[in-house]
Protein backbone atom coordinates (compact mmCIF):
# COMPACT_ATOMS: atom_id res chain seq x y z
CA UNK A 1 0.17 27.52 22.12
CA UNK A 2 2.57 25.18 20.37
CA UNK A 3 6.17 25.32 21.02
CA UNK A 4 8.54 25.67 17.92
CA UNK A 5 11.04 22.34 17.36
CA UNK A 6 13.78 24.90 16.24
CA UNK A 7 13.86 28.04 18.36
CA UNK A 8 11.16 27.01 21.36
CA UNK A 9 9.19 30.32 21.09
CA UNK A 10 5.28 30.22 21.99
CA UNK A 11 3.18 30.35 18.56
CA UNK A 12 -0.62 30.51 18.34
CA UNK A 13 -2.40 27.04 18.21
CA UNK A 14 -2.75 26.18 14.45
CA UNK A 15 0.07 27.99 13.10
CA UNK A 16 2.09 26.08 10.46
CA UNK A 17 5.06 28.58 10.75
CA UNK A 18 7.06 29.88 13.80
CA UNK A 19 6.40 33.65 13.88
CA UNK A 20 9.64 34.49 15.43
CA UNK A 21 12.47 32.18 12.90
CA UNK A 22 9.79 30.92 10.10
CA UNK A 23 10.46 27.37 10.77
CA UNK A 24 7.95 24.45 9.92
CA UNK A 25 6.10 23.51 13.39
CA UNK A 26 3.89 21.09 12.22
CA UNK A 27 5.31 17.62 13.65
CA UNK A 28 5.20 14.95 10.97
CA UNK A 29 6.23 11.29 11.19
CA UNK A 30 7.38 10.35 8.11
CA UNK A 31 6.62 6.66 8.73
CA UNK A 32 3.11 7.22 9.08
CA UNK A 33 1.00 6.28 7.03
CA UNK A 34 -1.58 9.10 5.48
CA UNK A 35 -5.36 8.56 5.94
CA UNK A 36 -6.60 9.34 2.45
CA UNK A 37 -9.63 11.71 2.58
CA UNK A 38 -11.45 9.48 -0.27
CA UNK A 39 -10.79 6.26 1.37
CA UNK A 40 -14.46 5.37 2.87
CA UNK A 41 -16.39 6.70 -0.30
CA UNK A 42 -16.09 3.08 -2.40
CA UNK A 43 -18.66 0.83 -1.29
CA UNK A 44 -19.18 -1.50 -4.24
CA UNK A 45 -19.04 -5.19 -3.88
CA UNK A 46 -15.85 -7.02 -4.51
CA UNK A 47 -15.53 -10.17 -6.85
CA UNK A 48 -16.06 -13.27 -5.40
CA UNK A 49 -13.15 -14.12 -3.26
CA UNK A 50 -11.28 -17.85 -3.64
CA UNK A 51 -12.79 -20.67 -1.49
CA UNK A 52 -10.31 -20.94 1.22
CA UNK A 53 -11.58 -24.25 1.98
CA UNK A 54 -9.95 -25.38 -1.26
CA UNK A 55 -6.91 -23.30 -1.32
CA UNK A 56 -3.24 -24.94 -1.48
CA UNK A 57 -0.64 -22.56 -1.92
CA UNK A 58 1.73 -23.76 -4.81
CA UNK A 59 5.55 -23.66 -4.93
CA UNK A 60 5.49 -23.16 -8.33
CA UNK A 61 7.64 -20.15 -9.97
CA UNK A 62 5.31 -17.60 -11.57
CA UNK A 63 6.55 -14.32 -13.49
CA UNK A 64 4.72 -11.23 -12.99
CA UNK A 65 5.23 -7.82 -14.14
CA UNK A 66 4.00 -4.68 -11.67
CA UNK A 67 3.80 -1.39 -14.05
CA UNK A 68 3.55 1.86 -11.74
CA UNK A 69 1.90 4.31 -14.46
CA UNK A 70 2.68 7.55 -12.13
CA UNK A 71 6.47 6.67 -12.34
CA UNK A 72 6.78 4.95 -15.76
CA UNK A 73 8.68 1.72 -13.59
CA UNK A 74 8.29 -1.57 -14.51
CA UNK A 75 9.12 -4.38 -11.98
CA UNK A 76 9.38 -8.08 -12.64
CA UNK A 77 8.70 -9.98 -9.48
CA UNK A 78 8.71 -13.89 -8.94
CA UNK A 79 5.85 -15.22 -7.07
CA UNK A 80 6.74 -18.26 -5.47
CA UNK A 81 4.54 -18.72 -2.13
CA UNK A 82 3.71 -14.96 -1.67
CA UNK A 83 5.20 -11.44 -2.09
CA UNK A 84 4.80 -8.76 0.73
CA UNK A 85 3.62 -5.53 -0.42
CA UNK A 86 4.09 -2.26 1.56
CA UNK A 87 6.47 -0.03 2.55
CA UNK A 88 10.25 -0.60 4.16
CA UNK A 89 10.82 0.30 7.64
CA UNK A 90 14.45 0.12 8.49
CA UNK A 91 13.66 0.59 12.62
CA UNK A 92 11.24 -2.19 12.53
CA UNK A 93 13.36 -4.25 10.07
CA UNK A 94 10.51 -4.89 7.94
CA UNK A 95 11.42 -4.90 4.10
CA UNK A 96 8.34 -5.97 1.74
CA UNK A 97 9.27 -8.21 -1.41
CA UNK A 98 7.28 -5.34 -3.51
CA UNK A 99 8.56 -2.11 -1.63
CA UNK A 100 6.60 1.13 -2.83
CA UNK A 101 8.35 3.46 -0.75
CA UNK A 102 10.07 5.04 -3.65
CA UNK A 103 7.25 5.64 -5.72
CA UNK A 104 5.39 7.94 -3.00
CA UNK A 105 4.03 5.06 -0.97
CA UNK A 106 3.87 7.08 2.17
CA UNK A 107 2.20 9.92 0.12
CA UNK A 108 -0.29 7.85 -1.36
CA UNK A 109 -1.58 6.05 1.52
CA UNK A 110 0.26 2.89 1.36
CA UNK A 111 0.95 0.86 4.37
CA UNK A 112 4.47 -0.99 5.88
CA UNK A 113 2.10 -4.34 5.46
CA UNK A 114 -0.47 -3.49 2.90
CA UNK A 115 -1.09 -6.89 1.07
CA UNK A 116 0.15 -10.19 -0.29
CA UNK A 117 0.29 -11.80 -3.58
CA UNK A 118 0.28 -15.21 -3.33
CA UNK A 119 0.31 -18.14 -5.60
CA UNK A 120 -2.37 -20.67 -5.13
CA UNK A 121 -2.62 -24.30 -7.10
CA UNK A 122 -6.05 -22.56 -8.67
CA UNK A 123 -4.27 -19.20 -9.30
CA UNK A 124 -2.44 -15.95 -8.32
CA UNK A 125 -4.56 -13.96 -5.49
CA UNK A 126 -4.25 -10.58 -3.66
CA UNK A 127 -4.87 -10.42 0.42
CA UNK A 128 -5.51 -7.29 1.71
CA UNK A 129 -3.94 -7.53 5.36
CA UNK A 130 -6.29 -4.70 7.37
CA UNK A 131 -4.27 -1.93 5.57
CA UNK A 132 -5.13 1.97 6.59
CA UNK A 133 -6.56 2.65 3.11
CA UNK A 134 -7.53 -0.38 1.48
CA UNK A 135 -6.65 -2.16 -1.71
CA UNK A 136 -8.75 -2.04 -4.50
CA UNK A 137 -9.18 -4.71 -7.01
CA UNK A 138 -10.85 -2.79 -10.91
CA UNK A 139 -11.97 -0.24 -8.33
CA UNK A 140 -13.67 -2.80 -5.92
CA UNK A 141 -12.36 -2.07 -2.22
CA UNK A 142 -11.51 -5.69 -0.95
CA UNK A 143 -12.46 -6.84 2.29
CA UNK A 144 -9.61 -7.62 4.39
CA UNK A 145 -7.86 -10.88 5.07
CA UNK A 146 -9.88 -12.55 2.02
CA UNK A 147 -7.57 -13.83 -1.05
CA UNK A 148 -9.02 -12.40 -4.46
CA UNK A 149 -8.07 -14.11 -7.69
CA UNK A 150 -5.48 -11.49 -9.91
CA UNK A 151 -6.14 -11.87 -13.76
CA UNK A 152 -3.69 -10.80 -16.30
CA UNK A 153 -3.92 -6.67 -16.88
CA UNK A 154 -5.61 -6.23 -13.45
CA UNK A 155 -5.54 -2.68 -12.06
CA UNK A 156 -4.53 -2.71 -8.30
CA UNK A 157 -4.78 0.54 -6.16
CA UNK A 158 -2.65 0.21 -2.85
CA UNK A 159 -4.30 3.46 -1.28
CA UNK A 160 -4.18 6.26 -3.67
CA UNK A 161 -0.87 3.92 -5.66
CA UNK A 162 -2.15 2.22 -8.85
CA UNK A 163 -0.48 -0.40 -10.55
CA UNK A 164 -1.20 -2.87 -13.15
CA UNK A 165 -0.26 -6.31 -12.89
CA UNK A 166 0.06 -8.45 -15.87
CA UNK A 167 1.38 -12.23 -15.76
CA UNK A 168 4.31 -13.33 -17.85
């Protein structure tokens, strides 16, 4: 039996709504990352990563534009070192530089700390941070913790949230 959070009435296991007061009785944590049902079907090999032995973090300032087609937003960011990508979480004090919360990040499977975009002497890279639903670069699922080069116009999916990255 499931207890209703509103009226405390007992309901049959698996019920979505309380039989007494009609309240929604499924517990849902708005800060949790949903595991998407299709996240395991992509098993394509990713492009070759940067050679990590030769990488040097660049402090040069580079500008990129993030286009989010689902919301028709354009975000202009400055890359100097790294940009954390994810969702803000005021309870833990986490506020990534590219905050995808307002673009349905939680519903689309974006983790709180999903990925980083880093500037190296050899170019700009993206690194998945072992996110729940993964990061796809041009439909290739990236292994976690490895830097992959970004090119102007690349398509990136953080979970199920599609973005396009352009260099300015």
